[in-house]
Amino acid sequence: MVQLANTYDHIISIENLLEAWKEFLRGKKNKKDVQEFQFRLMDNIIALHTDLKNKTYRHGGYVAFNISDPKPRNIHKAAVRDRLLHHAIYRKLYPYFDKKFIADSYSCRLRKGTHKAMDRFRAFAYKVSKNHTRTAWVLKCDIKKFFATIDQKILLEILKKHISDENTIRLLSEITKSFHSTKEGVGLPLGNLTSQLLVNIYMNEFDQWMKHVMKAEYYIRYADDFVILGHDKDWLLELTPRIADFLEERLKLSLHPNKVFIKTFASGVDFLGWVHFTDHRVLRMVAKKRMFRSIKDKQGKEETVQSYLGLISHGNGNSLKVKIINSRYSKS
């Protein structure tokens, strides 16, 4: 395996920190904490660079808040200084690790995303069912409390397989250990850019096992949701406990007991907020209710309406489109 070497100096360079700042700044120029940091930008960047060079950098704490996107989530927001460093790290590590990931991992990756994952799901269904001339079975799984149960020790062991630079490992350890969920050494914060990359690195162990050991040709993962398609239901039934064992023994993760099922593609499979059928897909009912509630709460604002029109364009929803357009005139 080709390892990353001498990455630390590239990460902490003033040039990389300045480029990372440009990326970090997008969409945040009006934030008070960002404006305060930018007011003395070069002083702040030089101070961060100096701390990193002298190895005296310590990650700060987090501000916690809740969002519904689409389900309730607890977000932990780091200080601007720390978030800038997250971007600097991401810029140097993502290109290397992205090449290591399987093609059918779709979360938080360039040129991927939910819509690409859904299109791939449909393409797999056509292949497995031979253009819907035979039954295609789908095993759908979800990992319980995904970010909150990542084992930091295991994560760092995986990172060391890829990164030989001890200083980079020490920095990643500092960031990883700056947070814990239920107990010390467990969990990554939703809200860190580095967390998005780290969970993909963590789950790549599972992805590689699925593809190369279990020989799951028709496997797709998006974050903590994944599906396996096949024409043999018994094989999927046998695969399920093996998946649970691997996740528990290798990664200390658990399948969500209420979100594991095997059903035919033709009967409708709920994946990534849509229910997929052989010739169409429709937005999940709970997502529809959430959408109209959001439009009402925002008093039918044009940008909100257009956002949801864009969303439903990826499925079959002409009648839903009419309702959304009409909803812009509803102010109560």
C-alpha atoms as a PDB file:
ATOM      1  CA  MET A   1       0.000   0.000   0.000  1.00  0.00           C
ATOM      2  CA  VAL A   2       1.279   3.453  -0.956  1.00  0.00           C
ATOM      3  CA  GLN A   3       1.115   5.624   2.173  1.00  0.00           C
ATOM      4  CA  LEU A   4       0.804   9.361   2.563  1.00  0.00           C
ATOM      5  CA  ALA A   5       4.150  10.781   3.709  1.00  0.00           C
ATOM      6  CA  ASN A   6       5.326  14.291   4.599  1.00  0.00           C
ATOM      7  CA  THR A   7       1.748  15.556   4.603  1.00  0.00           C
ATOM      8  CA  TYR A   8       2.012  17.626   7.775  1.00  0.00           C
ATOM      9  CA  ASP A   9       4.109  20.443   6.310  1.00  0.00           C
ATOM     10  CA  HIS A  10       1.731  20.682   3.349  1.00  0.00           C
ATOM     11  CA  ILE A  11      -1.324  20.835   5.622  1.00  0.00           C
ATOM     12  CA  ILE A  12       0.020  23.554   7.918  1.00  0.00           C
ATOM     13  CA  SER A  13       1.635  25.742   5.255  1.00  0.00           C
ATOM     14  CA  ILE A  14       0.405  29.325   5.137  1.00  0.00           C
ATOM     15  CA  GLU A  15      -0.421  28.844   1.443  1.00  0.00           C
ATOM     16  CA  ASN A  16      -2.716  25.904   2.236  1.00  0.00           C
ATOM     17  CA  LEU A  17      -4.313  27.729   5.170  1.00  0.00           C
ATOM     18  CA  LEU A  18      -5.090  30.703   2.921  1.00  0.00           C
ATOM     19  CA  GLU A  19      -6.618  28.484   0.236  1.00  0.00           C
ATOM     20  CA  ALA A  20      -8.597  26.670   2.920  1.00  0.00           C
ATOM     21  CA  TRP A  21      -9.872  30.033   4.175  1.00  0.00           C
ATOM     22  CA  LYS A  22     -11.254  30.869   0.725  1.00  0.00           C
ATOM     23  CA  GLU A  23     -13.160  27.587   0.687  1.00  0.00           C
ATOM     24  CA  PHE A  24     -14.327  27.945   4.264  1.00  0.00           C
ATOM     25  CA  LEU A  25     -15.578  31.494   3.674  1.00  0.00           C
ATOM     26  CA  ARG A  26     -18.190  30.529   1.071  1.00  0.00           C
ATOM     27  CA  GLY A  27     -21.652  31.262   2.411  1.00  0.00           C
ATOM     28  CA  LYS A  28     -20.323  32.456   5.775  1.00  0.00           C
ATOM     29  CA  LYS A  29     -19.237  36.056   5.117  1.00  0.00           C
ATOM     30  CA  ASN A  30     -22.084  37.505   7.193  1.00  0.00           C
ATOM     31  CA  LYS A  31     -21.422  35.375  10.266  1.00  0.00           C
ATOM     32  CA  LYS A  32     -20.168  37.418  13.219  1.00  0.00           C
ATOM     33  CA  ASP A  33     -17.475  34.962  14.331  1.00  0.00           C
ATOM     34  CA  VAL A  34     -16.194  34.669  10.754  1.00  0.00           C
ATOM     35  CA  GLN A  35     -16.042  38.467  10.367  1.00  0.00           C
ATOM     36  CA  GLU A  36     -14.112  38.766  13.618  1.00  0.00           C
ATOM     37  CA  PHE A  37     -11.559  36.207  12.449  1.00  0.00           C
ATOM     38  CA  GLN A  38     -11.257  37.870   9.052  1.00  0.00           C
ATOM     39  CA  PHE A  39     -10.689  41.310  10.583  1.00  0.00           C
ATOM     40  CA  ARG A  40      -7.180  40.151  11.557  1.00  0.00           C
ATOM     41  CA  LEU A  41      -6.938  37.340   9.029  1.00  0.00           C
ATOM     42  CA  MET A  42      -3.176  37.190   8.458  1.00  0.00           C
ATOM     43  CA  ASP A  43      -2.408  37.546  12.168  1.00  0.00           C
ATOM     44  CA  ASN A  44      -4.819  34.702  12.935  1.00  0.00           C
ATOM     45  CA  ILE A  45      -3.489  32.454  10.175  1.00  0.00           C
ATOM     46  CA  ILE A  46       0.140  33.071  11.151  1.00  0.00           C
ATOM     47  CA  ALA A  47      -0.718  32.326  14.801  1.00  0.00           C
ATOM     48  CA  LEU A  48      -2.428  29.077  13.794  1.00  0.00           C
ATOM     49  CA  HIS A  49       0.496  28.137  11.553  1.00  0.00           C
ATOM     50  CA  THR A  50       2.956  28.844  14.387  1.00  0.00           C
ATOM     51  CA  ASP A  51       1.029  26.698  16.872  1.00  0.00           C
ATOM     52  CA  LEU A  52       0.894  23.861  14.351  1.00  0.00           C
ATOM     53  CA  LYS A  53       4.587  24.198  13.484  1.00  0.00           C
ATOM     54  CA  ASN A  54       5.567  24.224  17.168  1.00  0.00           C
ATOM     55  CA  LYS A  55       3.117  21.375  17.850  1.00  0.00           C
ATOM     56  CA  THR A  56       1.371  23.418  20.545  1.00  0.00           C
ATOM     57  CA  TYR A  57      -2.002  23.491  18.747  1.00  0.00           C
ATOM     58  CA  ARG A  58      -4.967  22.302  20.810  1.00  0.00           C
ATOM     59  CA  HIS A  59      -8.460  21.938  19.403  1.00  0.00           C
ATOM     60  CA  GLY A  60     -11.085  24.053  21.150  1.00  0.00           C
ATOM     61  CA  GLY A  61     -14.536  23.093  22.367  1.00  0.00           C
ATOM     62  CA  TYR A  62     -17.878  22.955  20.576  1.00  0.00           C
ATOM     63  CA  VAL A  63     -21.206  24.755  20.594  1.00  0.00           C
ATOM     64  CA  ALA A  64     -24.068  22.256  20.371  1.00  0.00           C
ATOM     65  CA  PHE A  65     -27.425  22.861  18.719  1.00  0.00           C
ATOM     66  CA  ASN A  66     -30.196  20.791  17.140  1.00  0.00           C
ATOM     67  CA  ILE A  67     -31.495  20.761  13.573  1.00  0.00           C
ATOM     68  CA  SER A  68     -34.065  18.728  11.612  1.00  0.00           C
ATOM     69  CA  ASP A  69     -32.404  17.771   8.330  1.00  0.00           C
ATOM     70  CA  PRO A  70     -34.534  15.781   7.677  1.00  0.00           C
ATOM     71  CA  LYS A  71     -34.586  14.021  11.049  1.00  0.00           C
ATOM     72  CA  PRO A  72     -33.515  15.571  14.376  1.00  0.00           C
ATOM     73  CA  ARG A  73     -29.725  15.810  14.622  1.00  0.00           C
ATOM     74  CA  ASN A  74     -27.370  17.156  17.259  1.00  0.00           C
ATOM     75  CA  ILE A  75     -24.745  19.372  15.590  1.00  0.00           C
ATOM     76  CA  HIS A  76     -21.485  20.392  17.270  1.00  0.00           C
ATOM     77  CA  LYS A  77     -19.902  23.550  15.883  1.00  0.00           C
ATOM     78  CA  ALA A  78     -16.202  24.256  16.440  1.00  0.00           C
ATOM     79  CA  ALA A  79     -14.574  27.695  16.560  1.00  0.00           C
ATOM     80  CA  VAL A  80     -13.613  29.382  13.272  1.00  0.00           C
ATOM     81  CA  ARG A  81      -9.915  28.702  13.899  1.00  0.00           C
ATOM     82  CA  ASP A  82     -10.522  24.990  14.241  1.00  0.00           C
ATOM     83  CA  ARG A  83     -12.914  24.821  11.302  1.00  0.00           C
ATOM     84  CA  LEU A  84     -10.316  26.536   9.115  1.00  0.00           C
ATOM     85  CA  LEU A  85      -7.855  23.810  10.049  1.00  0.00           C
ATOM     86  CA  HIS A  86     -10.462  21.150   9.214  1.00  0.00           C
ATOM     87  CA  HIS A  87     -10.643  22.589   5.690  1.00  0.00           C
ATOM     88  CA  ALA A  88      -6.857  22.675   5.419  1.00  0.00           C
ATOM     89  CA  ILE A  89      -6.639  18.999   6.394  1.00  0.00           C
ATOM     90  CA  TYR A  90      -9.490  18.027   4.083  1.00  0.00           C
ATOM     91  CA  ARG A  91      -7.811  19.735   1.101  1.00  0.00           C
ATOM     92  CA  LYS A  92      -4.732  17.543   1.456  1.00  0.00           C
ATOM     93  CA  LEU A  93      -6.259  14.225   2.552  1.00  0.00           C
ATOM     94  CA  TYR A  94      -9.439  13.973   0.475  1.00  0.00           C
ATOM     95  CA  PRO A  95      -7.748  13.500  -2.956  1.00  0.00           C
ATOM     96  CA  TYR A  96      -5.697  10.577  -1.633  1.00  0.00           C
ATOM     97  CA  PHE A  97      -8.510   8.791   0.176  1.00  0.00           C
ATOM     98  CA  ASP A  98     -11.166   9.381  -2.468  1.00  0.00           C
ATOM     99  CA  LYS A  99      -9.147   7.170  -4.829  1.00  0.00           C
ATOM    100  CA  LYS A 100      -9.253   4.398  -2.216  1.00  0.00           C
ATOM    101  CA  PHE A 101     -13.039   4.392  -1.908  1.00  0.00           C
ATOM    102  CA  ILE A 102     -15.286   2.099  -3.932  1.00  0.00           C
ATOM    103  CA  ALA A 103     -17.256   3.642  -6.791  1.00  0.00           C
ATOM    104  CA  ASP A 104     -20.584   2.970  -5.088  1.00  0.00           C
ATOM    105  CA  SER A 105     -19.961   4.978  -1.918  1.00  0.00           C
ATOM    106  CA  TYR A 106     -21.899   8.198  -2.488  1.00  0.00           C
ATOM    107  CA  SER A 107     -21.922  10.308   0.685  1.00  0.00           C
ATOM    108  CA  CYS A 108     -19.841  13.515   0.955  1.00  0.00           C
ATOM    109  CA  ARG A 109     -17.847  12.914  -2.223  1.00  0.00           C
ATOM    110  CA  LEU A 110     -17.288  15.080  -5.286  1.00  0.00           C
ATOM    111  CA  ARG A 111     -19.484  14.159  -8.264  1.00  0.00           C
ATOM    112  CA  LYS A 112     -21.523  11.773  -6.112  1.00  0.00           C
ATOM    113  CA  GLY A 113     -24.500  12.554  -3.832  1.00  0.00           C
ATOM    114  CA  THR A 114     -28.036  11.281  -3.239  1.00  0.00           C
ATOM    115  CA  HIS A 115     -29.325  11.633  -6.793  1.00  0.00           C
ATOM    116  CA  LYS A 116     -26.368   9.722  -8.260  1.00  0.00           C
ATOM    117  CA  ALA A 117     -26.928   7.016  -5.626  1.00  0.00           C
ATOM    118  CA  MET A 118     -30.636   6.749  -6.503  1.00  0.00           C
ATOM    119  CA  ASP A 119     -29.889   6.513 -10.231  1.00  0.00           C
ATOM    120  CA  ARG A 120     -27.345   3.785  -9.539  1.00  0.00           C
ATOM    121  CA  PHE A 121     -29.915   1.952  -7.403  1.00  0.00           C
ATOM    122  CA  ARG A 122     -32.365   1.965 -10.303  1.00  0.00           C
ATOM    123  CA  ALA A 123     -29.682   0.804 -12.756  1.00  0.00           C
ATOM    124  CA  PHE A 124     -28.763  -2.077 -10.442  1.00  0.00           C
ATOM    125  CA  ALA A 125     -32.435  -3.063 -10.181  1.00  0.00           C
ATOM    126  CA  TYR A 126     -32.688  -3.267 -13.982  1.00  0.00           C
ATOM    127  CA  LYS A 127     -29.604  -5.473 -14.145  1.00  0.00           C
ATOM    128  CA  VAL A 128     -30.598  -7.831 -11.337  1.00  0.00           C
ATOM    129  CA  SER A 129     -34.178  -8.177 -12.581  1.00  0.00           C
ATOM    130  CA  LYS A 130     -33.067  -8.459 -16.227  1.00  0.00           C
ATOM    131  CA  ASN A 131     -35.249  -5.490 -17.185  1.00  0.00           C
ATOM    132  CA  HIS A 132     -37.924  -6.550 -14.689  1.00  0.00           C
ATOM    133  CA  THR A 133     -38.409 -10.036 -16.110  1.00  0.00           C
ATOM    134  CA  ARG A 134     -37.462 -11.722 -12.830  1.00  0.00           C
ATOM    135  CA  THR A 135     -37.643 -10.817  -9.158  1.00  0.00           C
ATOM    136  CA  ALA A 136     -35.007  -8.486  -7.751  1.00  0.00           C
ATOM    137  CA  TRP A 137     -34.604  -8.683  -3.970  1.00  0.00           C
ATOM    138  CA  VAL A 138     -33.216  -5.827  -1.901  1.00  0.00           C
ATOM    139  CA  LEU A 139     -31.552  -6.009   1.501  1.00  0.00           C
ATOM    140  CA  LYS A 140     -31.766  -2.561   3.093  1.00  0.00           C
ATOM    141  CA  CYS A 141     -29.798  -1.737   6.266  1.00  0.00           C
ATOM    142  CA  ASP A 142     -29.151   1.258   8.497  1.00  0.00           C
ATOM    143  CA  ILE A 143     -26.433   1.698  11.125  1.00  0.00           C
ATOM    144  CA  LYS A 144     -27.649   2.703  14.566  1.00  0.00           C
ATOM    145  CA  LYS A 145     -26.367   6.082  15.898  1.00  0.00           C
ATOM    146  CA  PHE A 146     -23.671   6.181  13.225  1.00  0.00           C
ATOM    147  CA  PHE A 147     -21.519   9.218  14.084  1.00  0.00           C
ATOM    148  CA  ALA A 148     -22.088   8.805  17.829  1.00  0.00           C
ATOM    149  CA  THR A 149     -20.675   5.251  17.908  1.00  0.00           C
ATOM    150  CA  ILE A 150     -17.505   5.569  15.800  1.00  0.00           C
ATOM    151  CA  ASP A 151     -14.648   4.046  17.818  1.00  0.00           C
ATOM    152  CA  GLN A 152     -11.781   6.556  17.810  1.00  0.00           C
ATOM    153  CA  LYS A 153      -9.068   4.002  18.548  1.00  0.00           C
ATOM    154  CA  ILE A 154     -10.115   1.838  15.598  1.00  0.00           C
ATOM    155  CA  LEU A 155     -10.338   4.930  13.393  1.00  0.00           C
ATOM    156  CA  LEU A 156      -6.777   5.956  14.231  1.00  0.00           C
ATOM    157  CA  GLU A 157      -5.542   2.412  13.570  1.00  0.00           C
ATOM    158  CA  ILE A 158      -7.110   2.574  10.116  1.00  0.00           C
ATOM    159  CA  LEU A 159      -5.558   5.989   9.469  1.00  0.00           C
ATOM    160  CA  LYS A 160      -2.115   4.700  10.411  1.00  0.00           C
ATOM    161  CA  LYS A 161      -2.381   2.075   7.661  1.00  0.00           C
ATOM    162  CA  HIS A 162      -2.561   4.893   5.121  1.00  0.00           C
ATOM    163  CA  ILE A 163      -0.532   7.720   6.685  1.00  0.00           C
ATOM    164  CA  SER A 164       3.098   7.229   7.679  1.00  0.00           C
ATOM    165  CA  ASP A 165       3.604  10.843   8.789  1.00  0.00           C
ATOM    166  CA  GLU A 166       3.509  10.764  12.610  1.00  0.00           C
ATOM    167  CA  ASN A 167       2.794  14.480  12.881  1.00  0.00           C
ATOM    168  CA  THR A 168      -0.291  14.156  10.691  1.00  0.00           C
ATOM    169  CA  ILE A 169      -1.521  11.233  12.777  1.00  0.00           C
ATOM    170  CA  ARG A 170      -0.938  13.219  15.955  1.00  0.00           C
ATOM    171  CA  LEU A 171      -2.945  16.145  14.524  1.00  0.00           C
ATOM    172  CA  LEU A 172      -5.810  13.874  13.449  1.00  0.00           C
ATOM    173  CA  SER A 173      -5.764  12.320  16.902  1.00  0.00           C
ATOM    174  CA  GLU A 174      -5.996  15.781  18.503  1.00  0.00           C
ATOM    175  CA  ILE A 175      -9.052  16.623  16.390  1.00  0.00           C
ATOM    176  CA  THR A 176     -10.691  13.231  16.844  1.00  0.00           C
ATOM    177  CA  LYS A 177     -10.238  13.238  20.627  1.00  0.00           C
ATOM    178  CA  SER A 178     -11.555  16.796  20.962  1.00  0.00           C
ATOM    179  CA  PHE A 179     -15.049  15.279  21.022  1.00  0.00           C
ATOM    180  CA  HIS A 180     -16.831  12.316  22.518  1.00  0.00           C
ATOM    181  CA  SER A 181     -20.491  11.321  22.612  1.00  0.00           C
ATOM    182  CA  THR A 182     -21.638   8.774  25.168  1.00  0.00           C
ATOM    183  CA  LYS A 183     -18.190   7.991  26.563  1.00  0.00           C
ATOM    184  CA  GLU A 184     -14.519   8.863  26.138  1.00  0.00           C
ATOM    185  CA  GLY A 185     -13.020   7.583  22.902  1.00  0.00           C
ATOM    186  CA  VAL A 186     -16.325   7.181  21.075  1.00  0.00           C
ATOM    187  CA  GLY A 187     -18.033   9.370  18.497  1.00  0.00           C
ATOM    188  CA  LEU A 188     -17.344  12.039  15.905  1.00  0.00           C
ATOM    189  CA  PRO A 189     -19.091  15.426  15.796  1.00  0.00           C
ATOM    190  CA  LEU A 190     -21.700  16.107  13.160  1.00  0.00           C
ATOM    191  CA  GLY A 191     -20.583  19.507  11.917  1.00  0.00           C
ATOM    192  CA  ASN A 192     -16.849  18.959  11.378  1.00  0.00           C
ATOM    193  CA  LEU A 193     -15.796  18.779   7.726  1.00  0.00           C
ATOM    194  CA  THR A 194     -13.126  16.299   8.786  1.00  0.00           C
ATOM    195  CA  SER A 195     -15.820  14.044  10.266  1.00  0.00           C
ATOM    196  CA  GLN A 196     -17.363  13.570   6.818  1.00  0.00           C
ATOM    197  CA  LEU A 197     -14.066  12.292   5.460  1.00  0.00           C
ATOM    198  CA  LEU A 198     -13.190  10.243   8.542  1.00  0.00           C
ATOM    199  CA  VAL A 199     -16.456   8.288   8.561  1.00  0.00           C
ATOM    200  CA  ASN A 200     -15.939   7.405   4.897  1.00  0.00           C
ATOM    201  CA  ILE A 201     -12.430   6.192   5.716  1.00  0.00           C
ATOM    202  CA  TYR A 202     -13.884   4.189   8.613  1.00  0.00           C
ATOM    203  CA  MET A 203     -16.675   2.652   6.526  1.00  0.00           C
ATOM    204  CA  ASN A 204     -14.323   1.926   3.621  1.00  0.00           C
ATOM    205  CA  GLU A 205     -13.215  -1.093   5.665  1.00  0.00           C
ATOM    206  CA  PHE A 206     -16.782  -2.389   5.401  1.00  0.00           C
ATOM    207  CA  ASP A 207     -17.178  -1.354   1.752  1.00  0.00           C
ATOM    208  CA  GLN A 208     -14.044  -3.260   0.738  1.00  0.00           C
ATOM    209  CA  TRP A 209     -15.181  -6.330   2.688  1.00  0.00           C
ATOM    210  CA  MET A 210     -18.592  -6.234   1.034  1.00  0.00           C
ATOM    211  CA  LYS A 211     -17.160  -5.942  -2.475  1.00  0.00           C
ATOM    212  CA  HIS A 212     -14.100  -8.199  -2.281  1.00  0.00           C
ATOM    213  CA  VAL A 213     -14.888 -10.778   0.417  1.00  0.00           C
ATOM    214  CA  MET A 214     -18.670 -11.058   0.236  1.00  0.00           C
ATOM    215  CA  LYS A 215     -18.592 -10.417  -3.519  1.00  0.00           C
ATOM    216  CA  ALA A 216     -21.642  -8.146  -3.296  1.00  0.00           C
ATOM    217  CA  GLU A 217     -21.646  -6.818  -6.846  1.00  0.00           C
ATOM    218  CA  TYR A 218     -24.795  -4.740  -6.418  1.00  0.00           C
ATOM    219  CA  TYR A 219     -23.977  -2.844  -3.226  1.00  0.00           C
ATOM    220  CA  ILE A 220     -24.510   0.894  -2.613  1.00  0.00           C
ATOM    221  CA  ARG A 221     -23.765   2.912   0.505  1.00  0.00           C
ATOM    222  CA  TYR A 222     -24.718   6.452   1.410  1.00  0.00           C
ATOM    223  CA  ALA A 223     -23.400   7.363   4.896  1.00  0.00           C
ATOM    224  CA  ASP A 224     -25.122   4.938   7.312  1.00  0.00           C
ATOM    225  CA  ASP A 225     -27.667   3.613   4.777  1.00  0.00           C
ATOM    226  CA  PHE A 226     -26.784   0.788   2.426  1.00  0.00           C
ATOM    227  CA  VAL A 227     -28.517  -1.635   0.072  1.00  0.00           C
ATOM    228  CA  ILE A 228     -27.550  -4.932  -1.555  1.00  0.00           C
ATOM    229  CA  LEU A 229     -29.519  -6.236  -4.509  1.00  0.00           C
ATOM    230  CA  GLY A 230     -29.695  -9.815  -5.738  1.00  0.00           C
ATOM    231  CA  HIS A 231     -31.985 -12.382  -7.324  1.00  0.00           C
ATOM    232  CA  ASP A 232     -31.365 -14.911  -4.526  1.00  0.00           C
ATOM    233  CA  LYS A 233     -33.328 -14.055  -1.379  1.00  0.00           C
ATOM    234  CA  ASP A 234     -31.678 -16.857   0.616  1.00  0.00           C
ATOM    235  CA  TRP A 235     -28.224 -15.396  -0.061  1.00  0.00           C
ATOM    236  CA  LEU A 236     -29.352 -12.032   1.280  1.00  0.00           C
ATOM    237  CA  LEU A 237     -30.848 -13.718   4.350  1.00  0.00           C
ATOM    238  CA  GLU A 238     -27.539 -15.495   5.002  1.00  0.00           C
ATOM    239  CA  LEU A 239     -25.602 -12.289   4.391  1.00  0.00           C
ATOM    240  CA  THR A 240     -27.471 -10.257   7.015  1.00  0.00           C
ATOM    241  CA  PRO A 241     -25.982 -11.824  10.192  1.00  0.00           C
ATOM    242  CA  ARG A 242     -22.517 -11.823   8.609  1.00  0.00           C
ATOM    243  CA  ILE A 243     -22.847  -8.089   8.005  1.00  0.00           C
ATOM    244  CA  ALA A 244     -23.944  -7.554  11.604  1.00  0.00           C
ATOM    245  CA  ASP A 245     -20.989  -9.594  12.883  1.00  0.00           C
ATOM    246  CA  PHE A 246     -18.425  -7.739  10.757  1.00  0.00           C
ATOM    247  CA  LEU A 247     -19.716  -4.324  11.796  1.00  0.00           C
ATOM    248  CA  GLU A 248     -19.725  -5.300  15.470  1.00  0.00           C
ATOM    249  CA  GLU A 249     -16.391  -7.141  15.582  1.00  0.00           C
ATOM    250  CA  ARG A 250     -14.344  -4.954  13.222  1.00  0.00           C
ATOM    251  CA  LEU A 251     -15.891  -1.500  13.654  1.00  0.00           C
ATOM    252  CA  LYS A 252     -17.990  -1.715  16.853  1.00  0.00           C
ATOM    253  CA  LEU A 253     -21.091  -0.570  14.980  1.00  0.00           C
ATOM    254  CA  SER A 254     -24.603  -2.015  15.145  1.00  0.00           C
ATOM    255  CA  LEU A 255     -27.387  -2.392  12.620  1.00  0.00           C
ATOM    256  CA  HIS A 256     -30.575  -0.553  13.540  1.00  0.00           C
ATOM    257  CA  PRO A 257     -32.974  -3.394  14.496  1.00  0.00           C
ATOM    258  CA  ASN A 258     -36.016  -1.565  13.103  1.00  0.00           C
ATOM    259  CA  LYS A 259     -34.402  -0.550   9.826  1.00  0.00           C
ATOM    260  CA  VAL A 260     -33.272  -3.839   8.319  1.00  0.00           C
ATOM    261  CA  PHE A 261     -35.537  -5.510   5.776  1.00  0.00           C
ATOM    262  CA  ILE A 262     -35.560  -7.693   2.678  1.00  0.00           C
ATOM    263  CA  LYS A 263     -38.234  -7.067   0.064  1.00  0.00           C
ATOM    264  CA  THR A 264     -38.734  -7.063  -3.678  1.00  0.00           C
ATOM    265  CA  PHE A 265     -37.812  -3.967  -5.642  1.00  0.00           C
ATOM    266  CA  ALA A 266     -41.228  -4.072  -7.368  1.00  0.00           C
ATOM    267  CA  SER A 267     -43.048  -3.739  -4.026  1.00  0.00           C
ATOM    268  CA  GLY A 268     -41.401  -0.373  -3.360  1.00  0.00           C
ATOM    269  CA  VAL A 269     -38.112   0.180  -1.509  1.00  0.00           C
ATOM    270  CA  ASP A 270     -37.569   3.177   0.755  1.00  0.00           C
ATOM    271  CA  PHE A 271     -34.048   4.497   0.110  1.00  0.00           C
ATOM    272  CA  LEU A 272     -32.668   8.016   0.628  1.00  0.00           C
ATOM    273  CA  GLY A 273     -36.031   9.656   1.198  1.00  0.00           C
ATOM    274  CA  TRP A 274     -37.770   8.175  -1.839  1.00  0.00           C
ATOM    275  CA  VAL A 275     -39.822   5.029  -2.373  1.00  0.00           C
ATOM    276  CA  HIS A 276     -38.486   3.289  -5.483  1.00  0.00           C
ATOM    277  CA  PHE A 277     -40.617   1.153  -7.823  1.00  0.00           C
ATOM    278  CA  THR A 278     -39.831  -0.535 -11.138  1.00  0.00           C
ATOM    279  CA  ASP A 279     -40.926   2.379 -13.349  1.00  0.00           C
ATOM    280  CA  HIS A 280     -40.984   5.388 -11.001  1.00  0.00           C
ATOM    281  CA  ARG A 281     -40.108   6.739  -7.569  1.00  0.00           C
ATOM    282  CA  VAL A 282     -42.123   8.908  -5.233  1.00  0.00           C
ATOM    283  CA  LEU A 283     -41.207  11.086  -2.304  1.00  0.00           C
ATOM    284  CA  ARG A 284     -41.711   9.357   1.031  1.00  0.00           C
ATOM    285  CA  MET A 285     -44.893  10.446   2.849  1.00  0.00           C
ATOM    286  CA  VAL A 286     -43.071  11.759   5.911  1.00  0.00           C
ATOM    287  CA  ALA A 287     -40.835  13.820   3.593  1.00  0.00           C
ATOM    288  CA  LYS A 288     -43.905  15.296   1.874  1.00  0.00           C
ATOM    289  CA  LYS A 289     -45.399  16.371   5.209  1.00  0.00           C
ATOM    290  CA  ARG A 290     -42.085  17.874   6.302  1.00  0.00           C
ATOM    291  CA  MET A 291     -41.799  19.733   2.997  1.00  0.00           C
ATOM    292  CA  PHE A 292     -45.223  21.396   3.210  1.00  0.00           C
ATOM    293  CA  ARG A 293     -44.657  22.224   6.870  1.00  0.00           C
ATOM    294  CA  SER A 294     -41.396  23.948   5.926  1.00  0.00           C
ATOM    295  CA  ILE A 295     -43.072  25.916   3.116  1.00  0.00           C
ATOM    296  CA  LYS A 296     -45.790  27.033   5.530  1.00  0.00           C
ATOM    297  CA  ASP A 297     -43.289  28.001   8.233  1.00  0.00           C
ATOM    298  CA  LYS A 298     -41.341  30.089   5.696  1.00  0.00           C
ATOM    299  CA  GLN A 299     -44.574  31.655   4.379  1.00  0.00           C
ATOM    300  CA  GLY A 300     -44.217  30.333   0.843  1.00  0.00           C
ATOM    301  CA  LYS A 301     -40.939  32.115   0.133  1.00  0.00           C
ATOM    302  CA  GLU A 302     -39.853  31.767  -3.487  1.00  0.00           C
ATOM    303  CA  GLU A 303     -36.411  30.272  -2.719  1.00  0.00           C
ATOM    304  CA  THR A 304     -38.001  27.605  -0.500  1.00  0.00           C
ATOM    305  CA  VAL A 305     -40.578  26.713  -3.157  1.00  0.00           C
ATOM    306  CA  GLN A 306     -37.925  26.524  -5.901  1.00  0.00           C
ATOM    307  CA  SER A 307     -35.726  24.343  -3.699  1.00  0.00           C
ATOM    308  CA  TYR A 308     -38.491  21.786  -3.265  1.00  0.00           C
ATOM    309  CA  LEU A 309     -39.467  21.935  -6.937  1.00  0.00           C
ATOM    310  CA  GLY A 310     -35.869  21.014  -7.685  1.00  0.00           C
ATOM    311  CA  LEU A 311     -36.073  18.131  -5.219  1.00  0.00           C
ATOM    312  CA  ILE A 312     -39.206  16.533  -6.682  1.00  0.00           C
ATOM    313  CA  SER A 313     -37.878  16.881 -10.231  1.00  0.00           C
ATOM    314  CA  HIS A 314     -35.821  13.772  -9.470  1.00  0.00           C
ATOM    315  CA  GLY A 315     -38.955  11.645  -9.177  1.00  0.00           C
ATOM    316  CA  ASN A 316     -42.541  11.360 -10.350  1.00  0.00           C
ATOM    317  CA  GLY A 317     -44.577  14.161  -8.829  1.00  0.00           C
ATOM    318  CA  ASN A 318     -46.569  16.294 -11.256  1.00  0.00           C
ATOM    319  CA  SER A 319     -49.525  16.555  -8.874  1.00  0.00           C
ATOM    320  CA  LEU A 320     -47.118  17.335  -6.053  1.00  0.00           C
ATOM    321  CA  LYS A 321     -45.581  20.086  -8.186  1.00  0.00           C
ATOM    322  CA  VAL A 322     -48.978  21.778  -8.521  1.00  0.00           C
ATOM    323  CA  LYS A 323     -49.530  21.620  -4.765  1.00  0.00           C
ATOM    324  CA  ILE A 324     -46.103  23.140  -4.080  1.00  0.00           C
ATOM    325  CA  ILE A 325     -46.693  25.992  -6.524  1.00  0.00           C
ATOM    326  CA  ASN A 326     -50.112  26.689  -4.993  1.00  0.00           C
ATOM    327  CA  SER A 327     -48.621  26.575  -1.501  1.00  0.00           C
ATOM    328  CA  ARG A 328     -46.546  29.708  -2.166  1.00  0.00           C
ATOM    329  CA  TYR A 329     -49.763  31.702  -1.874  1.00  0.00           C
ATOM    330  CA  SER A 330     -50.592  30.191   1.519  1.00  0.00           C
ATOM    331  CA  LYS A 331     -49.340  32.470   4.309  1.00  0.00           C
ATOM    332  CA  SER A 332     -50.902  30.616   7.195  1.00  0.00           C
END
